[in-house]
């Protein structure tokens, strides 16, 4: 019989993750609307309908409440990259996945994506939020090691794999920050040539940063 892994207090890990994300959403909304300094743990708790003590059971500080929603900002792209077929170029794979995002077969929580953009933008001036964003970027780099290692038929901890993964992760970080800032300033994706052009931009930048090593089909 299947069992459900439980964390502290008998709560399942799945339920705990859902609750952390719910808290993170409310914290992010408050941080964006009134600033980090003006937001208290009590306010976050009230917004979620929990006790303040419950908030501190899940997060070490009010700023760390932003971590799950910030991570949501890279979940979609990393899910797409983990599903990248070896026989397909990066450009073709991203284009195919774009169709799924457009027709709804691969649903994306746009509200979460927008909140993540807002927290990444706030991270420019809030060191504690910057920490959350850099933690998410570290997860991207670790996952890129697995993806690149698979395509090069090398271990994920191989030095060449790690260098290429670090370069690709840096591209994702810089473009996420650049495009997110522009969108929050009122631009839409047509400013960048449309959504298809944005995906090509990611693919081209990853190719350039890795000197062409990452991007081609693997025969």
N, C-alpha and C. Protein backbone atom coordinates (compact mmCIF):
# COMPACT_ATOMS: atom_id res chain seq x y z
N UNK A 1 0.85 -1.19 0.00
CA UNK A 1 0.00 0.00 0.00
C UNK A 1 0.88 1.24 0.00
N UNK A 2 0.53 2.23 -0.83
CA UNK A 2 1.34 3.43 -0.93
C UNK A 2 1.24 4.24 0.35
N UNK A 3 2.34 4.87 0.70
CA UNK A 3 2.37 5.73 1.88
C UNK A 3 2.69 7.15 1.48
N UNK A 4 2.27 8.08 2.30
CA UNK A 4 2.53 9.49 2.03
C UNK A 4 3.61 9.97 2.98
N UNK A 5 4.68 10.53 2.42
CA UNK A 5 5.77 11.03 3.24
C UNK A 5 5.28 12.22 4.05
N UNK A 6 5.60 12.19 5.34
CA UNK A 6 5.13 13.26 6.21
C UNK A 6 6.31 14.01 6.83
N UNK A 7 6.14 15.31 6.95
CA UNK A 7 7.17 16.13 7.58
C UNK A 7 6.83 16.37 9.03
N UNK A 8 7.29 17.50 9.55
CA UNK A 8 7.06 17.80 10.96
C UNK A 8 5.57 17.98 11.22
N UNK A 9 5.15 17.52 12.39
CA UNK A 9 3.76 17.69 12.80
C UNK A 9 2.80 16.79 12.07
N UNK A 10 3.29 15.77 11.36
CA UNK A 10 2.42 14.84 10.67
C UNK A 10 1.86 15.36 9.36
N UNK A 11 2.27 16.54 8.90
CA UNK A 11 1.76 17.09 7.65
C UNK A 11 2.51 16.47 6.47
N UNK A 12 1.79 16.07 5.43
CA UNK A 12 2.43 15.49 4.26
C UNK A 12 3.29 16.55 3.58
N UNK A 13 4.35 16.10 2.91
CA UNK A 13 5.24 17.04 2.22
C UNK A 13 4.49 17.79 1.11
N UNK A 14 3.55 17.10 0.46
CA UNK A 14 2.79 17.74 -0.60
C UNK A 14 1.92 18.87 -0.03
N UNK A 15 1.25 18.58 1.09
CA UNK A 15 0.41 19.60 1.70
C UNK A 15 1.27 20.75 2.23
N UNK A 16 2.42 20.41 2.80
CA UNK A 16 3.32 21.44 3.32
C UNK A 16 3.79 22.36 2.18
N UNK A 17 4.11 21.78 1.04
CA UNK A 17 4.56 22.59 -0.10
C UNK A 17 3.45 23.51 -0.60
N UNK A 18 2.21 22.97 -0.63
CA UNK A 18 1.08 23.80 -1.05
C UNK A 18 0.86 24.96 -0.09
N UNK A 19 0.97 24.68 1.21
CA UNK A 19 0.77 25.73 2.21
C UNK A 19 1.87 26.78 2.13
N UNK A 20 3.10 26.33 1.95
CA UNK A 20 4.21 27.28 1.81
C UNK A 20 4.01 28.19 0.60
N UNK A 21 3.52 27.62 -0.50
CA UNK A 21 3.29 28.43 -1.68
C UNK A 21 2.15 29.42 -1.46
N UNK A 22 1.11 28.99 -0.74
CA UNK A 22 0.00 29.89 -0.45
C UNK A 22 0.47 31.07 0.42
N UNK A 23 1.27 30.76 1.43
CA UNK A 23 1.83 31.82 2.28
C UNK A 23 2.70 32.75 1.44
N UNK A 24 3.49 32.15 0.57
CA UNK A 24 4.40 32.94 -0.26
C UNK A 24 3.65 33.89 -1.18
N UNK A 25 2.54 33.44 -1.74
CA UNK A 25 1.73 34.31 -2.61
C UNK A 25 1.26 35.55 -1.85
N UNK A 26 0.73 35.35 -0.65
CA UNK A 26 0.21 36.48 0.12
C UNK A 26 1.34 37.40 0.56
N UNK A 27 2.46 36.82 0.97
CA UNK A 27 3.60 37.63 1.37
C UNK A 27 4.10 38.48 0.20
N UNK A 28 4.18 37.86 -0.98
CA UNK A 28 4.66 38.58 -2.17
C UNK A 28 3.74 39.73 -2.53
N UNK A 29 2.43 39.50 -2.42
CA UNK A 29 1.47 40.58 -2.71
C UNK A 29 1.67 41.74 -1.75
N UNK A 30 1.84 41.43 -0.48
CA UNK A 30 2.04 42.48 0.52
C UNK A 30 3.37 43.20 0.31
N UNK A 31 4.42 42.45 0.02
CA UNK A 31 5.73 43.07 -0.23
C UNK A 31 5.65 44.05 -1.40
N UNK A 32 4.94 43.66 -2.45
CA UNK A 32 4.85 44.51 -3.63
C UNK A 32 3.98 45.73 -3.38
N UNK A 33 2.88 45.54 -2.66
CA UNK A 33 1.93 46.63 -2.43
C UNK A 33 2.42 47.67 -1.42
N UNK A 34 3.10 47.20 -0.36
CA UNK A 34 3.44 48.16 0.70
C UNK A 34 4.91 48.16 1.10
N UNK A 35 5.71 47.32 0.45
CA UNK A 35 7.13 47.26 0.76
C UNK A 35 7.46 46.20 1.79
N UNK A 36 8.68 45.72 1.74
CA UNK A 36 9.09 44.66 2.66
C UNK A 36 9.15 45.17 4.09
N UNK A 37 9.75 46.34 4.29
CA UNK A 37 9.91 46.87 5.64
C UNK A 37 8.57 47.11 6.33
N UNK A 38 7.56 47.51 5.56
CA UNK A 38 6.25 47.83 6.14
C UNK A 38 5.38 46.60 6.34
N UNK A 39 5.84 45.44 5.92
CA UNK A 39 5.06 44.21 6.04
C UNK A 39 5.56 43.40 7.23
N UNK A 40 4.64 42.97 8.06
CA UNK A 40 5.00 42.19 9.25
C UNK A 40 4.56 40.73 9.09
N UNK A 41 5.13 39.90 9.93
CA UNK A 41 4.71 38.51 9.95
C UNK A 41 3.25 38.38 10.33
N UNK A 42 2.78 39.26 11.22
CA UNK A 42 1.37 39.24 11.61
C UNK A 42 0.46 39.51 10.42
N UNK A 43 0.85 40.46 9.56
CA UNK A 43 0.04 40.78 8.39
C UNK A 43 0.00 39.62 7.40
N UNK A 44 1.13 38.97 7.23
CA UNK A 44 1.18 37.81 6.33
C UNK A 44 0.26 36.71 6.86
N UNK A 45 0.35 36.46 8.16
CA UNK A 45 -0.48 35.44 8.78
C UNK A 45 -1.96 35.76 8.61
N UNK A 46 -2.33 37.01 8.84
CA UNK A 46 -3.73 37.41 8.71
C UNK A 46 -4.22 37.23 7.28
N UNK A 47 -3.37 37.56 6.30
CA UNK A 47 -3.76 37.44 4.89
C UNK A 47 -4.01 35.98 4.50
N UNK A 48 -3.26 35.06 5.12
CA UNK A 48 -3.42 33.64 4.80
C UNK A 48 -4.48 32.98 5.67
N UNK A 49 -4.79 33.60 6.81
CA UNK A 49 -5.75 33.00 7.73
C UNK A 49 -5.12 32.01 8.67
N UNK A 50 -3.85 32.26 9.02
CA UNK A 50 -3.12 31.40 9.95
C UNK A 50 -2.65 32.22 11.13
N UNK A 51 -2.15 31.55 12.14
CA UNK A 51 -1.51 32.26 13.25
C UNK A 51 -0.10 32.64 12.83
N UNK A 52 0.41 33.68 13.47
CA UNK A 52 1.79 34.10 13.17
C UNK A 52 2.76 32.97 13.52
N UNK A 53 2.47 32.26 14.59
CA UNK A 53 3.31 31.14 14.98
C UNK A 53 3.40 30.09 13.87
N UNK A 54 2.29 29.89 13.16
CA UNK A 54 2.29 28.93 12.05
C UNK A 54 3.21 29.39 10.92
N UNK A 55 3.24 30.69 10.68
CA UNK A 55 4.12 31.23 9.64
C UNK A 55 5.56 30.88 9.96
N UNK A 56 5.96 31.08 11.23
CA UNK A 56 7.35 30.83 11.61
C UNK A 56 7.69 29.35 11.68
N UNK A 57 6.69 28.50 11.68
CA UNK A 57 6.97 27.07 11.58
C UNK A 57 7.41 26.70 10.17
N UNK A 58 6.99 27.50 9.20
CA UNK A 58 7.30 27.19 7.80
C UNK A 58 8.41 28.05 7.22
N UNK A 59 8.67 29.21 7.83
CA UNK A 59 9.68 30.12 7.28
C UNK A 59 10.53 30.69 8.41
N UNK A 60 11.80 30.91 8.12
CA UNK A 60 12.73 31.39 9.14
C UNK A 60 12.65 32.90 9.34
N UNK A 61 12.08 33.63 8.37
CA UNK A 61 11.94 35.09 8.45
C UNK A 61 10.84 35.51 7.50
N UNK A 62 10.39 36.77 7.63
CA UNK A 62 9.33 37.22 6.73
C UNK A 62 9.84 37.28 5.29
N UNK A 63 11.12 37.69 5.10
CA UNK A 63 11.66 37.78 3.74
C UNK A 63 11.75 36.41 3.07
N UNK A 64 12.04 35.37 3.86
CA UNK A 64 12.15 34.03 3.27
C UNK A 64 10.81 33.51 2.77
N UNK A 65 9.71 34.17 3.19
CA UNK A 65 8.39 33.78 2.68
C UNK A 65 8.32 33.94 1.17
N UNK A 66 9.18 34.77 0.60
CA UNK A 66 9.15 35.00 -0.85
C UNK A 66 9.77 33.85 -1.65
N UNK A 67 10.51 32.97 -0.99
CA UNK A 67 11.28 31.96 -1.71
C UNK A 67 10.44 31.04 -2.60
N UNK A 68 9.33 30.46 -2.12
CA UNK A 68 8.57 29.57 -3.01
C UNK A 68 8.03 30.26 -4.26
N UNK A 69 7.53 31.49 -4.12
CA UNK A 69 6.97 32.16 -5.30
C UNK A 69 8.08 32.57 -6.26
N UNK A 70 9.24 32.94 -5.72
CA UNK A 70 10.38 33.26 -6.59
C UNK A 70 10.79 32.02 -7.38
N UNK A 71 10.79 30.88 -6.72
CA UNK A 71 11.15 29.64 -7.40
C UNK A 71 10.15 29.32 -8.51
N UNK A 72 8.88 29.69 -8.29
CA UNK A 72 7.87 29.46 -9.33
C UNK A 72 8.25 30.16 -10.63
N UNK A 73 9.04 31.24 -10.51
CA UNK A 73 9.45 32.00 -11.69
C UNK A 73 10.35 31.23 -12.63
N UNK A 74 10.98 30.16 -12.13
CA UNK A 74 11.85 29.38 -13.01
C UNK A 74 11.33 27.96 -13.23
N UNK A 75 10.27 27.60 -12.53
CA UNK A 75 9.74 26.23 -12.63
C UNK A 75 9.32 25.89 -14.06
N UNK A 76 8.58 26.81 -14.70
CA UNK A 76 8.07 26.51 -16.04
C UNK A 76 9.20 26.25 -17.02
N UNK A 77 10.19 27.16 -17.06
CA UNK A 77 11.29 26.99 -18.00
C UNK A 77 12.08 25.72 -17.72
N UNK A 78 12.34 25.43 -16.46
CA UNK A 78 13.12 24.24 -16.14
C UNK A 78 12.35 22.96 -16.46
N UNK A 79 11.03 22.99 -16.29
CA UNK A 79 10.21 21.84 -16.67
C UNK A 79 10.33 21.60 -18.17
N UNK A 80 10.30 22.68 -18.93
CA UNK A 80 10.44 22.58 -20.38
C UNK A 80 11.82 22.03 -20.75
N UNK A 81 12.87 22.53 -20.12
CA UNK A 81 14.22 22.09 -20.46
C UNK A 81 14.48 20.64 -20.05
N UNK A 82 13.89 20.21 -18.94
CA UNK A 82 14.07 18.81 -18.54
C UNK A 82 13.41 17.86 -19.52
N UNK A 83 12.42 18.34 -20.26
CA UNK A 83 11.76 17.50 -21.25
C UNK A 83 12.33 17.65 -22.65
N UNK A 84 13.50 18.23 -22.79
CA UNK A 84 14.12 18.49 -24.10
C UNK A 84 14.63 17.19 -24.72
N UNK A 85 14.01 16.72 -25.82
CA UNK A 85 14.45 15.48 -26.47
C UNK A 85 15.85 15.62 -27.05
N UNK A 86 16.62 14.58 -26.97
CA UNK A 86 18.00 14.63 -27.45
C UNK A 86 18.09 14.90 -28.95
N UNK A 87 17.09 14.44 -29.70
CA UNK A 87 17.16 14.58 -31.16
C UNK A 87 16.62 15.91 -31.66
N UNK A 88 16.31 16.82 -30.77
CA UNK A 88 15.69 18.09 -31.14
C UNK A 88 16.59 19.26 -30.74
N UNK A 89 16.64 20.29 -31.59
CA UNK A 89 17.42 21.48 -31.24
C UNK A 89 16.69 22.26 -30.15
N UNK A 90 17.42 23.10 -29.46
CA UNK A 90 16.81 23.89 -28.41
C UNK A 90 15.75 24.82 -28.98
N UNK A 91 16.03 25.43 -30.13
CA UNK A 91 15.07 26.33 -30.76
C UNK A 91 13.77 25.60 -31.08
N UNK A 92 13.88 24.43 -31.69
CA UNK A 92 12.68 23.68 -32.08
C UNK A 92 11.91 23.21 -30.85
N UNK A 93 12.63 22.81 -29.81
CA UNK A 93 11.95 22.33 -28.60
C UNK A 93 11.19 23.47 -27.93
N UNK A 94 11.82 24.63 -27.78
CA UNK A 94 11.14 25.76 -27.15
C UNK A 94 9.94 26.20 -27.98
N UNK A 95 10.08 26.17 -29.31
CA UNK A 95 8.96 26.56 -30.17
C UNK A 95 7.79 25.60 -30.00
N UNK A 96 8.07 24.30 -29.92
CA UNK A 96 7.01 23.30 -29.75
C UNK A 96 6.33 23.47 -28.39
N UNK A 97 7.12 23.73 -27.37
CA UNK A 97 6.54 23.92 -26.04
C UNK A 97 5.69 25.18 -25.98
N UNK A 98 6.07 26.18 -26.77
CA UNK A 98 5.31 27.43 -26.81
C UNK A 98 3.89 27.18 -27.28
N UNK A 99 3.72 26.26 -28.23
CA UNK A 99 2.39 25.93 -28.71
C UNK A 99 1.54 25.39 -27.56
N UNK A 100 2.14 24.52 -26.73
CA UNK A 100 1.42 23.97 -25.59
C UNK A 100 1.01 25.03 -24.58
N UNK A 101 1.88 26.02 -24.39
CA UNK A 101 1.54 27.10 -23.46
C UNK A 101 0.42 27.97 -24.01
N UNK A 102 0.41 28.14 -25.33
CA UNK A 102 -0.61 28.98 -25.95
C UNK A 102 -1.98 28.30 -25.99
N UNK A 103 -2.00 26.99 -26.28
CA UNK A 103 -3.30 26.33 -26.43
C UNK A 103 -3.84 25.76 -25.12
N UNK A 104 -3.07 25.92 -24.04
CA UNK A 104 -3.56 25.51 -22.73
C UNK A 104 -3.28 24.07 -22.36
N UNK A 105 -2.59 23.31 -23.24
CA UNK A 105 -2.30 21.93 -22.90
C UNK A 105 -1.19 21.85 -21.85
N UNK A 106 -0.44 22.92 -21.70
CA UNK A 106 0.57 23.00 -20.63
C UNK A 106 0.25 24.24 -19.80
N UNK A 107 -0.72 24.15 -18.90
CA UNK A 107 -1.16 25.33 -18.17
C UNK A 107 -0.06 25.95 -17.32
N UNK A 108 -0.03 27.26 -17.31
CA UNK A 108 0.92 28.01 -16.50
C UNK A 108 0.13 28.98 -15.63
N UNK A 109 0.45 29.06 -14.36
CA UNK A 109 -0.21 30.00 -13.48
C UNK A 109 0.40 31.38 -13.71
N UNK A 110 -0.26 32.17 -14.56
CA UNK A 110 0.28 33.47 -14.92
C UNK A 110 0.34 34.42 -13.73
N UNK A 111 -0.58 34.27 -12.78
CA UNK A 111 -0.55 35.12 -11.59
C UNK A 111 0.72 34.85 -10.78
N UNK A 112 1.08 33.57 -10.65
CA UNK A 112 2.32 33.23 -9.95
C UNK A 112 3.53 33.75 -10.71
N UNK A 113 3.49 33.63 -12.03
CA UNK A 113 4.61 34.12 -12.85
C UNK A 113 4.79 35.62 -12.65
N UNK A 114 3.68 36.36 -12.60
CA UNK A 114 3.76 37.80 -12.43
C UNK A 114 4.27 38.16 -11.03
N UNK A 115 3.80 37.43 -10.01
CA UNK A 115 4.30 37.68 -8.67
C UNK A 115 5.80 37.40 -8.58
N UNK A 116 6.24 36.35 -9.25
CA UNK A 116 7.67 36.03 -9.26
C UNK A 116 8.46 37.17 -9.90
N UNK A 117 7.96 37.70 -11.02
CA UNK A 117 8.62 38.84 -11.66
C UNK A 117 8.74 40.02 -10.69
N UNK A 118 7.67 40.26 -9.94
CA UNK A 118 7.66 41.38 -9.01
C UNK A 118 8.70 41.19 -7.91
N UNK A 119 8.82 39.96 -7.40
CA UNK A 119 9.79 39.71 -6.35
C UNK A 119 11.23 39.82 -6.89
N UNK A 120 11.43 39.36 -8.12
CA UNK A 120 12.75 39.48 -8.74
C UNK A 120 13.11 40.94 -8.93
N UNK A 121 12.09 41.74 -9.29
CA UNK A 121 12.32 43.18 -9.47
C UNK A 121 12.65 43.83 -8.12
N UNK A 122 11.91 43.49 -7.07
CA UNK A 122 12.19 44.03 -5.74
C UNK A 122 13.57 43.61 -5.23
N UNK A 123 14.04 42.47 -5.72
CA UNK A 123 15.34 41.96 -5.27
C UNK A 123 16.49 42.90 -5.60
N UNK A 124 16.26 43.82 -6.55
CA UNK A 124 17.30 44.80 -6.87
C UNK A 124 17.63 45.69 -5.68
N UNK A 125 16.64 45.94 -4.85
CA UNK A 125 16.83 46.86 -3.73
C UNK A 125 16.64 46.21 -2.36
N UNK A 126 16.24 44.95 -2.35
CA UNK A 126 16.01 44.23 -1.09
C UNK A 126 16.97 43.04 -1.00
N UNK A 127 18.07 43.18 -0.25
CA UNK A 127 19.07 42.10 -0.18
C UNK A 127 18.49 40.75 0.22
N UNK A 128 17.53 40.72 1.15
CA UNK A 128 16.96 39.44 1.59
C UNK A 128 16.20 38.76 0.45
N UNK A 129 15.51 39.56 -0.37
CA UNK A 129 14.82 38.99 -1.52
C UNK A 129 15.81 38.59 -2.60
N UNK A 130 16.92 39.32 -2.69
CA UNK A 130 17.97 38.94 -3.64
C UNK A 130 18.50 37.55 -3.30
N UNK A 131 18.60 37.28 -2.03
CA UNK A 131 19.04 35.95 -1.60
C UNK A 131 18.08 34.87 -2.10
N UNK A 132 16.78 35.13 -2.00
CA UNK A 132 15.78 34.16 -2.48
C UNK A 132 15.94 33.93 -3.97
N UNK A 133 16.15 35.00 -4.73
CA UNK A 133 16.30 34.89 -6.18
C UNK A 133 17.57 34.13 -6.54
N UNK A 134 18.67 34.41 -5.86
CA UNK A 134 19.92 33.72 -6.15
C UNK A 134 19.84 32.25 -5.75
N UNK A 135 19.06 31.94 -4.72
CA UNK A 135 18.84 30.53 -4.37
C UNK A 135 18.10 29.81 -5.50
N UNK A 136 17.12 30.48 -6.09
CA UNK A 136 16.40 29.90 -7.22
C UNK A 136 17.34 29.70 -8.40
N UNK A 137 18.21 30.68 -8.63
CA UNK A 137 19.17 30.57 -9.74
C UNK A 137 20.15 29.42 -9.51
N UNK A 138 20.50 29.19 -8.25
CA UNK A 138 21.38 28.06 -7.93
C UNK A 138 20.69 26.75 -8.28
N UNK A 139 19.40 26.65 -8.02
CA UNK A 139 18.66 25.44 -8.40
C UNK A 139 18.63 25.26 -9.91
N UNK A 140 18.51 26.37 -10.64
CA UNK A 140 18.55 26.31 -12.11
C UNK A 140 19.89 25.73 -12.56
N UNK A 141 20.96 26.25 -11.99
CA UNK A 141 22.30 25.78 -12.39
C UNK A 141 22.47 24.29 -12.11
N UNK A 142 22.00 23.84 -10.94
CA UNK A 142 22.12 22.42 -10.61
C UNK A 142 21.34 21.55 -11.59
N UNK A 143 20.14 22.00 -11.95
CA UNK A 143 19.34 21.23 -12.90
C UNK A 143 19.95 21.29 -14.30
N UNK A 144 20.56 22.42 -14.65
CA UNK A 144 21.22 22.52 -15.95
C UNK A 144 22.40 21.56 -16.04
N UNK A 145 23.05 21.29 -14.92
CA UNK A 145 24.14 20.30 -14.93
C UNK A 145 23.63 18.94 -15.38
N UNK A 146 22.45 18.55 -14.88
CA UNK A 146 21.86 17.27 -15.27
C UNK A 146 21.48 17.28 -16.76
N UNK A 147 20.90 18.38 -17.20
CA UNK A 147 20.44 18.49 -18.60
C UNK A 147 21.63 18.48 -19.55
N UNK A 148 22.64 19.30 -19.26
CA UNK A 148 23.81 19.38 -20.13
C UNK A 148 24.59 18.06 -20.08
N UNK A 149 24.74 17.50 -18.89
CA UNK A 149 25.46 16.24 -18.77
C UNK A 149 24.82 15.14 -19.60
N UNK A 150 23.49 15.10 -19.61
CA UNK A 150 22.78 14.10 -20.40
C UNK A 150 23.07 14.27 -21.89
N UNK A 151 23.08 15.52 -22.36
CA UNK A 151 23.29 15.76 -23.78
C UNK A 151 24.74 15.53 -24.20
N UNK A 152 25.67 15.71 -23.29
CA UNK A 152 27.08 15.51 -23.61
C UNK A 152 27.58 14.12 -23.22
N UNK A 153 26.67 13.31 -22.65
CA UNK A 153 27.04 11.97 -22.17
C UNK A 153 28.20 12.03 -21.18
N UNK A 154 28.10 12.98 -20.27
CA UNK A 154 29.11 13.14 -19.23
C UNK A 154 28.40 13.25 -17.88
N UNK A 155 29.12 12.97 -16.79
CA UNK A 155 28.52 13.12 -15.46
C UNK A 155 28.15 14.58 -15.18
N UNK A 156 27.15 14.77 -14.36
CA UNK A 156 26.70 16.12 -14.04
C UNK A 156 27.78 16.92 -13.32
N UNK A 157 28.71 16.24 -12.63
CA UNK A 157 29.76 16.96 -11.91
C UNK A 157 31.04 17.13 -12.71
N UNK A 158 31.03 16.74 -13.99
CA UNK A 158 32.17 16.97 -14.87
C UNK A 158 32.41 18.48 -14.99
N UNK A 159 33.67 18.90 -14.96
CA UNK A 159 33.97 20.33 -14.93
C UNK A 159 33.46 21.06 -16.18
N UNK A 160 33.58 20.44 -17.35
CA UNK A 160 33.08 21.07 -18.57
C UNK A 160 31.56 21.21 -18.53
N UNK A 161 30.90 20.19 -18.02
CA UNK A 161 29.44 20.24 -17.88
C UNK A 161 29.05 21.37 -16.93
N UNK A 162 29.75 21.47 -15.82
CA UNK A 162 29.43 22.51 -14.85
C UNK A 162 29.65 23.91 -15.42
N UNK A 163 30.70 24.08 -16.20
CA UNK A 163 30.97 25.40 -16.80
C UNK A 163 29.87 25.78 -17.78
N UNK A 164 29.46 24.84 -18.63
CA UNK A 164 28.40 25.13 -19.58
C UNK A 164 27.06 25.36 -18.87
N UNK A 165 26.81 24.58 -17.83
CA UNK A 165 25.56 24.75 -17.06
C UNK A 165 25.53 26.12 -16.39
N UNK A 166 26.67 26.53 -15.84
CA UNK A 166 26.75 27.85 -15.19
C UNK A 166 26.51 28.96 -16.20
N UNK A 167 27.06 28.81 -17.40
CA UNK A 167 26.86 29.82 -18.44
C UNK A 167 25.39 29.89 -18.85
N UNK A 168 24.76 28.73 -19.05
CA UNK A 168 23.35 28.71 -19.44
C UNK A 168 22.46 29.27 -18.35
N UNK A 169 22.76 28.94 -17.10
CA UNK A 169 21.98 29.45 -15.97
C UNK A 169 22.11 30.97 -15.86
N UNK A 170 23.29 31.49 -16.15
CA UNK A 170 23.48 32.95 -16.11
C UNK A 170 22.65 33.63 -17.18
N UNK A 171 22.56 33.02 -18.35
CA UNK A 171 21.71 33.57 -19.42
C UNK A 171 20.27 33.65 -18.95
N UNK A 172 19.79 32.57 -18.35
CA UNK A 172 18.40 32.54 -17.88
C UNK A 172 18.16 33.62 -16.83
N UNK A 173 19.12 33.78 -15.90
CA UNK A 173 18.97 34.79 -14.85
C UNK A 173 18.91 36.20 -15.44
N UNK A 174 19.86 36.52 -16.32
CA UNK A 174 19.93 37.87 -16.87
C UNK A 174 18.71 38.18 -17.73
N UNK A 175 18.29 37.25 -18.58
CA UNK A 175 17.12 37.50 -19.43
C UNK A 175 15.84 37.56 -18.61
N UNK A 176 15.71 36.71 -17.61
CA UNK A 176 14.54 36.78 -16.73
C UNK A 176 14.44 38.15 -16.08
N UNK A 177 15.57 38.65 -15.58
CA UNK A 177 15.57 39.97 -14.93
C UNK A 177 15.25 41.07 -15.93
N UNK A 178 15.87 41.00 -17.11
CA UNK A 178 15.69 42.04 -18.12
C UNK A 178 14.26 42.09 -18.64
N UNK A 179 13.74 40.94 -19.02
CA UNK A 179 12.39 40.89 -19.59
C UNK A 179 11.35 41.17 -18.52
N UNK A 180 11.54 40.62 -17.33
CA UNK A 180 10.60 40.87 -16.24
C UNK A 180 10.50 42.34 -15.89
N UNK A 181 11.65 43.01 -15.83
CA UNK A 181 11.66 44.45 -15.52
C UNK A 181 10.88 45.23 -16.57
N UNK A 182 11.08 44.88 -17.85
CA UNK A 182 10.39 45.58 -18.93
C UNK A 182 8.89 45.35 -18.88
N UNK A 183 8.48 44.11 -18.64
CA UNK A 183 7.05 43.79 -18.58
C UNK A 183 6.38 44.54 -17.42
N UNK A 184 7.04 44.58 -16.28
CA UNK A 184 6.47 45.29 -15.13
C UNK A 184 6.42 46.80 -15.35
N UNK A 185 7.28 47.29 -16.24
CA UNK A 185 7.27 48.72 -16.56
C UNK A 185 6.19 49.07 -17.57
N UNK A 186 5.47 48.06 -18.05
CA UNK A 186 4.35 48.32 -18.95
C UNK A 186 4.53 47.79 -20.35
N UNK A 187 5.70 47.25 -20.66
CA UNK A 187 5.92 46.70 -22.00
C UNK A 187 5.23 45.35 -22.10
N UNK A 188 4.83 44.98 -23.32
CA UNK A 188 4.39 43.61 -23.51
C UNK A 188 5.45 42.91 -24.35
N UNK A 189 5.27 41.61 -24.57
CA UNK A 189 6.33 40.84 -25.21
C UNK A 189 6.55 41.23 -26.66
N UNK A 190 5.62 41.99 -27.26
CA UNK A 190 5.84 42.42 -28.64
C UNK A 190 7.03 43.35 -28.74
N UNK A 191 7.38 43.99 -27.61
CA UNK A 191 8.56 44.85 -27.61
C UNK A 191 9.81 44.05 -27.93
N UNK A 192 9.77 42.77 -27.60
CA UNK A 192 10.92 41.90 -27.84
C UNK A 192 10.73 41.06 -29.11
N UNK A 193 9.71 41.38 -29.91
CA UNK A 193 9.47 40.65 -31.15
C UNK A 193 8.46 39.54 -31.01
N UNK A 194 7.71 39.52 -29.91
CA UNK A 194 6.72 38.48 -29.70
C UNK A 194 7.27 37.35 -28.87
N UNK A 195 6.37 36.49 -28.37
CA UNK A 195 6.78 35.40 -27.49
C UNK A 195 7.72 34.43 -28.20
N UNK A 196 7.44 34.15 -29.48
CA UNK A 196 8.31 33.23 -30.23
C UNK A 196 9.73 33.78 -30.31
N UNK A 197 9.83 35.08 -30.53
CA UNK A 197 11.15 35.71 -30.61
C UNK A 197 11.88 35.66 -29.27
N UNK A 198 11.11 35.75 -28.19
CA UNK A 198 11.72 35.68 -26.86
C UNK A 198 12.34 34.29 -26.65
N UNK A 199 11.62 33.24 -27.04
CA UNK A 199 12.17 31.89 -26.86
C UNK A 199 13.42 31.70 -27.72
N UNK A 200 13.41 32.27 -28.95
CA UNK A 200 14.61 32.19 -29.79
C UNK A 200 15.77 32.94 -29.15
N UNK A 201 15.43 34.03 -28.49
CA UNK A 201 16.47 34.83 -27.83
C UNK A 201 17.14 34.03 -26.72
N UNK A 202 16.33 33.31 -25.93
CA UNK A 202 16.91 32.46 -24.89
C UNK A 202 17.81 31.40 -25.52
N UNK A 203 17.31 30.75 -26.56
CA UNK A 203 18.08 29.67 -27.20
C UNK A 203 19.38 30.21 -27.78
N UNK A 204 19.31 31.34 -28.49
CA UNK A 204 20.51 31.92 -29.10
C UNK A 204 21.52 32.32 -28.02
N UNK A 205 21.03 32.94 -26.95
CA UNK A 205 21.94 33.38 -25.89
C UNK A 205 22.61 32.20 -25.20
N UNK A 206 21.87 31.11 -25.01
CA UNK A 206 22.46 29.91 -24.40
C UNK A 206 23.52 29.32 -25.33
N UNK A 207 23.24 29.28 -26.62
CA UNK A 207 24.23 28.80 -27.58
C UNK A 207 25.50 29.65 -27.52
N UNK A 208 25.32 30.97 -27.52
CA UNK A 208 26.46 31.88 -27.52
C UNK A 208 27.28 31.73 -26.24
N UNK A 209 26.60 31.66 -25.10
CA UNK A 209 27.29 31.58 -23.82
C UNK A 209 28.06 30.27 -23.66
N UNK A 210 27.59 29.21 -24.33
CA UNK A 210 28.26 27.91 -24.22
C UNK A 210 29.10 27.60 -25.44
N UNK A 211 29.38 28.64 -26.26
CA UNK A 211 30.20 28.48 -27.48
C UNK A 211 29.64 27.41 -28.41
N UNK A 212 28.32 27.32 -28.47
CA UNK A 212 27.66 26.40 -29.39
C UNK A 212 27.57 24.97 -28.89
N UNK A 213 28.05 24.70 -27.69
CA UNK A 213 28.04 23.32 -27.18
C UNK A 213 26.63 22.88 -26.84
N UNK A 214 25.82 23.81 -26.30
CA UNK A 214 24.45 23.49 -25.88
C UNK A 214 23.48 24.13 -26.85
N UNK A 215 22.66 23.29 -27.49
CA UNK A 215 21.65 23.82 -28.41
C UNK A 215 21.33 22.89 -29.57
N UNK A 216 22.32 22.13 -30.02
CA UNK A 216 22.10 21.26 -31.17
C UNK A 216 21.44 19.94 -30.77
N UNK A 217 20.82 19.27 -31.76
CA UNK A 217 20.33 17.91 -31.50
C UNK A 217 21.50 16.98 -31.18
N UNK A 218 21.22 15.93 -30.42
CA UNK A 218 22.24 14.94 -30.12
C UNK A 218 21.91 13.69 -30.92
N UNK A 219 22.79 13.35 -31.82
CA UNK A 219 22.56 12.20 -32.72
C UNK A 219 23.08 10.91 -32.06
